[in-house]
Protein backbone atom coordinates (compact mmCIF):
# COMPACT_ATOMS: atom_id res chain seq x y z
CA MET A 1 203.23 194.13 160.32
CA VAL A 2 202.39 195.85 163.62
CA LYS A 3 202.53 192.52 165.47
CA ASP A 4 206.01 191.89 164.09
CA LEU A 5 207.18 195.21 165.53
CA ARG A 6 205.84 194.58 169.03
CA PRO A 7 208.97 192.76 170.33
CA VAL A 8 211.18 195.54 168.94
CA LEU A 9 209.02 198.24 170.54
CA PHE A 10 208.98 196.34 173.82
CA PHE A 11 212.79 196.10 174.02
CA CYS A 12 213.13 199.74 172.99
CA LEU A 13 210.82 200.68 175.85
CA LEU A 14 212.88 198.64 178.34
CA PHE A 15 216.07 200.16 176.94
CA SER A 16 214.76 203.70 177.34
CA LEU A 17 213.44 203.00 180.85
CA PHE A 18 216.79 201.63 181.90
CA PHE A 19 218.75 204.61 180.71
CA SER A 20 216.19 207.10 181.95
CA SER A 21 216.39 205.55 185.42
CA SER A 22 220.20 205.68 185.31
CA ALA A 23 220.12 209.30 184.22
CA GLN A 24 217.56 210.12 186.89
CA SER A 25 219.76 208.63 189.61
CA CYS A 26 222.48 211.03 188.49
CA SER A 27 221.18 214.33 187.09
CA ASN A 28 218.03 214.49 189.22
CA TYR A 29 219.72 213.49 192.44
CA VAL A 30 219.11 215.94 195.28
CA PHE A 31 221.76 216.27 197.97
CA SER A 32 220.56 216.66 201.55
CA SER A 33 222.91 219.63 201.96
CA ASN A 34 221.18 221.38 199.02
CA ARG A 35 224.42 221.40 197.05
CA VAL A 36 224.01 221.72 193.30
CA PHE A 37 226.46 220.61 190.62
CA SER A 38 226.42 221.47 186.93
CA SER A 39 227.44 218.02 185.64
CA CYS A 40 227.27 214.42 186.71
CA ASN A 41 228.23 211.03 185.40
CA ALA A 42 227.28 207.46 186.32
CA LEU A 43 230.66 205.75 186.48
CA PRO A 44 230.88 202.42 184.60
CA VAL A 45 231.53 200.13 187.60
CA LEU A 46 231.25 199.89 191.41
CA ASN A 47 227.83 201.59 191.73
CA SER A 48 229.46 205.02 191.72
CA PHE A 49 228.48 208.51 190.57
CA LEU A 50 230.53 211.67 190.16
CA HIS A 51 228.95 215.14 190.36
CA TRP A 52 231.05 218.22 189.61
CA THR A 53 231.16 221.91 188.77
CA TYR A 54 234.19 222.89 186.71
CA ASN A 55 235.65 226.41 186.61
CA PRO A 56 238.10 226.61 183.67
CA SER A 57 239.31 230.12 184.52
CA SER A 58 240.66 229.08 187.93
CA SER A 59 241.30 225.39 187.06
CA THR A 60 239.22 224.31 190.04
CA VAL A 61 236.50 221.71 190.31
CA GLN A 62 233.96 221.07 193.04
CA ILE A 63 233.14 217.37 193.23
CA ALA A 64 230.79 215.01 195.00
CA TYR A 65 231.70 211.35 194.67
CA ARG A 66 228.78 209.05 195.59
CA HIS A 67 229.03 205.33 196.19
CA THR A 68 225.71 203.50 196.62
CA GLY A 69 225.02 200.13 198.24
CA ILE A 70 227.83 200.63 200.75
CA THR A 71 228.06 199.96 204.49
CA THR A 72 230.03 201.59 207.30
CA SER A 73 232.32 198.55 207.37
CA ARG A 74 233.84 199.62 204.04
CA TRP A 75 235.86 202.56 202.73
CA ILE A 76 235.47 204.48 199.48
CA SER A 77 237.89 206.58 197.47
CA TRP A 78 238.05 208.80 194.40
CA ALA A 79 241.33 210.05 192.99
CA ILE A 80 243.03 211.98 190.23
CA ASN A 81 246.26 210.61 188.80
CA PRO A 82 248.31 213.44 187.27
CA THR A 83 250.77 211.08 185.54
CA SER A 84 248.92 207.96 184.31
CA THR A 85 245.63 206.09 184.26
CA ASN A 86 246.79 203.49 186.78
CA MET A 87 246.41 203.39 190.54
CA PRO A 88 250.08 204.08 191.56
CA GLY A 89 250.62 207.82 191.62
CA SER A 90 246.97 208.63 192.30
CA GLN A 91 246.08 211.51 194.61
CA ALA A 92 243.11 210.15 196.53
CA LEU A 93 240.21 211.37 198.60
CA VAL A 94 239.25 208.67 201.12
CA ALA A 95 236.22 208.28 203.38
CA HIS A 96 235.21 205.70 205.96
CA GLN A 97 233.79 205.40 209.45
CA GLY A 98 236.10 206.52 212.23
CA SER A 99 236.58 205.28 215.76
CA ASP A 100 233.92 207.73 217.02
CA GLY A 101 231.31 206.22 214.69
CA ASN A 102 231.22 209.23 212.38
CA VAL A 103 232.27 209.21 208.73
CA PHE A 104 235.24 211.40 207.95
CA ALA A 105 237.34 212.14 204.87
CA TYR A 106 241.04 212.69 204.34
CA THR A 107 243.63 212.81 201.55
CA SER A 108 246.07 209.99 200.73
CA PRO A 109 248.78 209.86 198.06
CA ILE A 110 248.94 206.37 196.50
CA THR A 111 252.45 205.09 195.85
CA GLY A 112 251.64 201.47 194.96
CA TYR A 113 249.02 198.75 194.84
CA THR A 114 249.63 197.76 198.45
CA THR A 115 249.42 201.27 199.87
CA GLN A 116 247.31 201.23 203.05
CA LEU A 117 245.64 204.60 202.31
CA GLN A 118 247.64 206.45 204.93
CA GLN A 119 246.82 210.08 205.46
CA GLY A 120 249.07 212.58 203.66
CA ASN A 121 249.17 215.71 201.53
CA LEU A 122 248.38 215.59 197.83
CA SER A 123 250.36 217.13 194.99
CA PHE A 124 247.58 219.69 194.45
CA GLY A 125 245.36 221.76 196.69
CA VAL A 126 242.24 220.38 198.36
CA SER A 127 239.67 222.35 200.37
CA ASP A 128 236.16 221.89 201.83
CA LEU A 129 236.78 218.17 202.25
CA SER A 130 233.99 216.27 204.01
CA ALA A 131 232.00 213.05 203.84
CA VAL A 132 228.50 211.86 204.75
CA PHE A 133 226.75 208.51 205.02
CA GLN A 134 223.03 207.86 204.81
CA ASN A 135 220.73 205.22 203.33
CA ASN A 136 223.65 202.90 202.49
CA GLU A 137 225.24 205.66 200.44
CA MET A 138 228.56 207.35 201.18
CA THR A 139 229.54 210.67 199.57
CA ILE A 140 232.80 212.62 199.50
CA PHE A 141 232.69 216.40 198.92
CA ALA A 142 235.73 218.50 198.03
CA THR A 143 237.06 221.39 195.98
CA LEU A 144 240.21 220.60 194.01
CA GLN A 145 242.85 222.84 192.49
CA LEU A 146 243.59 220.84 189.34
CA PRO A 147 247.26 220.02 188.69
CA SER A 148 247.00 221.33 185.10
CA SER A 149 244.81 223.64 183.05
CA SER A 150 243.53 220.73 180.95
CA ALA A 151 239.86 219.77 181.27
CA THR A 152 240.79 216.10 180.96
CA VAL A 153 241.81 214.20 184.09
CA ASN A 154 242.72 210.61 184.85
CA GLN A 155 240.34 209.36 187.52
CA VAL A 156 240.44 206.30 189.74
CA TRP A 157 237.65 205.24 192.09
CA GLN A 158 237.66 202.35 194.51
CA GLU A 159 236.10 200.67 197.55
CA GLY A 160 237.26 198.05 200.00
CA PRO A 161 236.88 196.55 203.49
CA LEU A 162 237.85 198.00 206.82
CA SER A 163 239.91 196.17 209.41
CA GLY A 164 238.50 197.82 212.52
CA THR A 165 238.80 201.45 211.46
CA THR A 166 241.77 200.92 209.14
CA PRO A 167 241.32 200.50 205.36
CA SER A 168 242.42 197.09 204.05
CA VAL A 169 243.50 196.23 200.52
CA HIS A 170 240.62 196.20 198.05
CA ALA A 171 239.75 193.26 195.78
CA THR A 172 242.08 192.80 192.82
CA SER A 173 239.63 191.24 190.39
CA GLY A 174 236.43 192.07 188.53
CA ALA A 175 235.14 195.64 188.77
CA ASN A 176 237.87 196.66 191.22
CA ILE A 177 240.52 196.49 188.50
CA GLN A 178 238.32 198.27 185.94
CA SER A 179 237.56 201.36 188.02
CA MET A 180 239.95 203.74 186.33
CA GLY A 181 239.63 205.90 183.26
CA VAL A 182 239.67 209.35 181.69
CA LEU A 183 237.11 212.08 182.43
CA ASN A 184 236.51 215.19 180.34
CA LEU A 185 235.19 217.80 182.77
CA LEU A 186 233.69 219.90 179.96
CA SER A 187 231.91 217.23 177.90
CA GLY A 188 231.32 214.78 180.75
CA GLU A 189 232.64 211.90 178.67
CA THR A 190 234.06 209.03 180.72
CA THR A 191 236.10 206.19 179.25
CA ILE A 192 237.65 203.13 180.86
CA ALA A 193 241.43 203.33 180.73
CA GLY A 194 242.96 201.45 177.83
CA GLY A 195 245.59 199.91 180.10
CA GLY A 196 242.90 198.36 182.27
CA ASN A 197 241.17 196.84 179.27
CA SER A 198 244.50 195.56 177.94
CA ARG A 199 245.35 193.97 181.28
CA THR A 200 241.92 192.38 181.54
CA ARG A 201 242.29 191.00 178.02
CA LYS A 202 245.68 189.50 178.93
CA ARG A 203 244.19 187.95 182.06
CA ASN A 204 241.38 186.44 179.99
CA ILE A 205 243.89 185.02 177.48
CA HIS A 206 245.92 183.60 180.36
CA GLY A 207 242.82 181.94 181.78
CA VAL A 208 241.63 180.47 178.47
CA LEU A 209 245.05 179.03 177.60
CA ASN A 210 245.36 177.33 180.97
CA VAL A 211 241.82 175.95 180.99
CA VAL A 212 242.29 174.46 177.51
CA SER A 213 245.77 173.05 178.21
CA TRP A 214 246.25 172.02 181.83
CA GLY A 215 242.55 171.79 182.61
CA THR A 216 241.17 169.95 179.56
CA LEU A 217 243.78 168.46 177.21
CA MET A 218 245.95 167.09 180.03
CA PRO A 219 243.21 164.98 181.71
CA LEU A 220 241.89 163.97 178.27
CA GLY A 221 245.34 162.64 177.36
CA ALA A 222 245.45 160.64 180.60
CA ILE A 223 242.03 159.11 179.84
CA ILE A 224 243.23 158.10 176.38
CA ALA A 225 246.35 156.43 177.77
CA ARG A 226 244.55 154.56 180.53
CA TYR A 227 241.55 153.23 178.67
CA LEU A 228 242.22 152.98 174.93
CA LYS A 229 245.21 150.67 175.34
CA VAL A 230 242.83 148.01 176.69
CA PHE A 231 241.57 147.56 173.15
CA LYS A 232 244.13 145.56 171.19
CA SER A 233 242.95 147.15 167.94
CA ALA A 234 243.88 150.59 169.31
CA ASP A 235 247.55 149.66 169.76
CA PRO A 236 249.72 151.65 169.02
CA ALA A 237 247.25 154.38 167.96
CA TRP A 238 246.39 155.16 171.62
CA PHE A 239 250.05 155.94 172.32
CA TYR A 240 250.34 158.48 169.52
CA LEU A 241 247.00 160.05 170.51
CA HIS A 242 248.25 160.30 174.08
CA ILE A 243 251.53 161.90 173.00
CA ALA A 244 249.74 164.35 170.68
CA CYS A 245 247.27 165.38 173.38
CA GLN A 246 249.86 165.81 176.14
CA SER A 247 252.33 167.60 173.87
CA SER A 248 249.64 170.04 172.76
CA ALA A 249 248.63 170.57 176.39
CA TYR A 250 252.24 171.29 177.35
CA ILE A 251 252.86 173.74 174.49
CA VAL A 252 249.63 175.67 175.09
CA GLY A 253 250.18 175.46 178.86
CA VAL A 254 253.65 176.99 178.57
CA ALA A 255 252.11 179.87 176.60
CA GLY A 256 249.55 180.35 179.38
CA TRP A 257 252.30 180.16 182.00
CA ALA A 258 254.33 182.80 180.12
CA THR A 259 251.35 185.18 179.98
CA GLY A 260 250.98 184.70 183.73
CA LEU A 261 254.60 185.71 184.27
CA LYS A 262 254.07 188.77 182.10
CA LEU A 263 250.96 189.75 184.04
CA GLY A 264 252.89 189.39 187.27
CA SER A 265 255.70 191.63 186.06
CA ASP A 266 253.19 194.24 184.84
CA SER A 267 251.28 194.25 188.13
CA SER A 268 253.88 195.30 190.64
CA GLY A 269 252.52 195.02 194.17
CA ILE A 270 249.73 192.54 193.30
CA GLN A 271 250.64 188.96 194.18
CA TYR A 272 248.65 185.75 194.23
CA ASP A 273 251.19 183.55 196.00
CA ALA A 274 249.25 180.27 195.98
CA HIS A 275 248.22 180.61 192.31
CA ARG A 276 251.75 181.58 191.28
CA ASN A 277 253.49 178.82 193.25
CA ILE A 278 251.16 176.11 191.96
CA GLY A 279 251.73 177.41 188.42
CA ILE A 280 255.51 177.16 188.84
CA ALA A 281 255.18 173.63 190.26
CA LEU A 282 252.97 172.62 187.32
CA PHE A 283 255.50 173.90 184.80
CA CYS A 284 258.36 172.04 186.50
CA LEU A 285 256.46 168.74 186.81
CA ALA A 286 255.17 168.92 183.24
CA THR A 287 258.67 169.63 181.95
CA LEU A 288 259.97 166.57 183.81
CA GLN A 289 257.21 164.55 182.13
CA VAL A 290 258.46 165.69 178.73
CA PHE A 291 262.00 164.57 179.59
CA ALA A 292 260.59 161.28 180.92
CA LEU A 293 259.22 160.55 177.46
CA LEU A 294 262.74 160.79 176.04
CA LEU A 295 264.02 158.37 178.70
CA ARG A 296 261.16 155.86 178.35
CA PRO A 297 262.61 152.32 178.58
CA LYS A 298 261.26 149.39 176.56
CA LYS A 299 258.45 147.26 177.95
CA ASP A 300 260.73 144.37 178.93
CA HIS A 301 263.39 146.56 180.50
CA LYS A 302 264.05 145.98 184.19
CA TYR A 303 263.55 149.68 185.00
CA ARG A 304 260.22 150.00 183.12
CA PHE A 305 258.24 149.26 186.31
CA TYR A 306 259.89 152.15 188.16
CA TRP A 307 259.49 154.45 185.16
CA ASN A 308 255.75 153.70 185.10
CA ILE A 309 255.44 154.67 188.78
CA TYR A 310 257.30 157.92 188.12
CA HIS A 311 255.31 158.74 185.00
CA HIS A 312 251.90 157.99 186.48
CA SER A 313 252.49 159.74 189.82
CA PHE A 314 253.82 162.90 188.17
CA GLY A 315 251.03 162.86 185.57
CA TYR A 316 248.17 162.57 188.04
CA THR A 317 249.78 165.18 190.30
CA VAL A 318 249.90 167.61 187.38
CA ILE A 319 246.21 167.02 186.61
CA ILE A 320 245.10 167.52 190.23
CA LEU A 321 247.18 170.68 190.68
CA SER A 322 245.96 171.99 187.33
CA ILE A 323 242.30 171.74 188.31
CA VAL A 324 242.95 173.31 191.72
CA ASN A 325 244.88 176.20 190.16
CA ILE A 326 242.25 176.83 187.50
CA PHE A 327 239.61 177.33 190.19
CA LYS A 328 241.98 179.65 192.02
CA GLY A 329 242.31 181.53 188.75
CA PHE A 330 238.52 181.79 188.46
CA ASP A 331 238.43 183.34 191.94
CA ILE A 332 241.09 185.87 190.95
CA LEU A 333 239.73 186.78 187.52
CA ASP A 334 236.11 186.71 188.73
CA PRO A 335 234.53 186.24 185.27
CA GLU A 336 230.84 185.76 184.55
CA LYS A 337 229.53 182.65 186.32
CA LYS A 338 228.74 180.95 183.00
CA TRP A 339 232.47 180.42 182.30
CA LYS A 340 233.09 178.67 185.59
CA LYS A 341 229.96 176.59 185.09
CA ALA A 342 231.14 175.66 181.57
CA TYR A 343 234.45 174.35 182.91
CA ILE A 344 232.67 172.43 185.67
CA ALA A 345 230.51 170.86 182.94
CA ILE A 346 233.70 169.83 181.07
CA LEU A 347 235.08 168.21 184.23
CA ILE A 348 231.79 166.39 184.84
CA MET A 349 231.81 165.09 181.27
CA LEU A 350 235.42 163.91 181.53
CA GLY A 351 234.75 162.33 184.92
CA PHE A 352 231.58 160.58 183.73
CA ASN A 353 233.37 159.12 180.71
CA ALA A 354 236.29 158.05 182.89
CA VAL A 355 233.93 156.19 185.25
CA LEU A 356 232.21 154.39 182.36
CA LEU A 357 235.52 153.48 180.73
CA GLU A 358 236.93 152.34 184.08
CA ALA A 359 233.99 149.98 184.55
CA TYR A 360 234.28 148.67 180.98
CA THR A 361 238.05 148.25 181.39
CA TRP A 362 237.58 146.08 184.46
CA TYR A 363 234.93 144.09 182.60
CA ILE A 364 237.37 143.38 179.78
CA VAL A 365 240.23 142.55 182.16
CA LEU A 366 238.12 140.17 184.27
CA LYS A 367 236.68 138.55 181.15
CA ARG A 368 240.15 137.91 179.77
CA LYS A 369 241.33 136.61 183.13
CA LYS A 370 238.38 134.24 183.35
CA SER A 371 239.05 133.00 179.85
CA ALA A 372 242.72 132.48 180.68
CA ASN A 373 241.81 130.48 183.83
CA LYS A 374 239.62 128.15 181.81
CA ASN A 375 242.43 127.44 179.38
CA PRO A 376 245.62 128.42 181.27
CA HIS A 377 248.12 127.15 178.66
CA GLY A 378 246.27 128.19 175.57
CA VAL A 379 244.79 126.07 172.84
CA ASN A 380 248.12 124.67 171.72
CA GLY A 381 249.77 124.69 175.18
CA ALA A 382 251.49 121.77 176.86
CA ASN A 383 248.33 120.73 178.63
CA GLY A 384 246.00 121.60 175.77
CA VAL A 385 244.21 119.30 173.39
CA ASN A 386 247.29 118.80 171.30
CA GLY A 387 249.67 118.89 174.29
CA TYR A 388 251.77 116.04 175.45
CA GLY A 389 250.03 115.74 178.78
CA SER A 390 246.60 115.28 177.11
CA ARG A 391 247.69 112.76 174.54
CA PRO A 392 246.22 109.30 175.21
CA GLN A 393 248.85 106.67 176.20
CA GLN A 394 249.44 103.82 173.73
CA VAL A 395 248.82 100.34 175.06
CA VAL A 396 251.81 98.12 174.45
């Protein structure tokens, strides 16, 4: 019985050590300036910690925002948003290295996602603002006059690169779009903003729909059309399988495209031009393919040859652009590496099967051609065994 509990006890020990180390890096942290704060919280993302002392009677709070694992080539920021849990409207404290090599702090009101963190006054009072950098750790100190008497504030924290000594736009994927939430200054409870989670969920849905449709079903339908029709027994089943696969890909792909448009409209100021433009091109080309199916001429029609060129060129273009855009989407969404690896495995599997089927297709075609060369007019043809040209002449 004791042996059966050993794995459980082992994981409990690791669990407790992990959280004790996290708590130690927060509550037991000693500032070099001997400042002491009554509360602290390890923020959920971006290696950040917030220390504070809240005075309810005067609605003021002394804060120290720490960001670990940072360099002087990057900026950090912590903000309160009096109106929402999003970035626009935030009243930010910013710190980075200046032209003299020292780290300094200033205030910056955020009006949109593309705001360049320009210096300006906030909507509430700020005093004792300063910043320090040591041991790859940057800290902002300040005393804030809270905009309301409530102990609950909407907080946003962020980090990004410097262009010389000017802050550049931060990353718009992964942890950088999750670094916002609600903080209770009395209880210390921190929660990720619901809007951020909702947006991330929509982005994930957008990604899954597009990977399944444009990235998987579409190339699978092309493989079915190219290789199954070689087998006479598969005719016309291959055609209906091809239509079913491509139609499903188009329907699901349009749903993914629509979620992308919705995400774009909900994220004013954030643009991924290449990803968006390729997505629009994919939708247009795929829609033309659907109309091409309605205009498909018969096999013996004089325009069938030109229709085939149109259909094949548009189809392969859609597949190539789809794969390119999916990888651009992975770079934007920045999910766990296992999801990107899973899609790469799907592509490898599809590619491997396509290579095998291509080789087998050529084997069948060459075999049939060889057989036709041996007996060019068929068994009952004009030059065959029963043909006129092979019939022995009667002697008169």
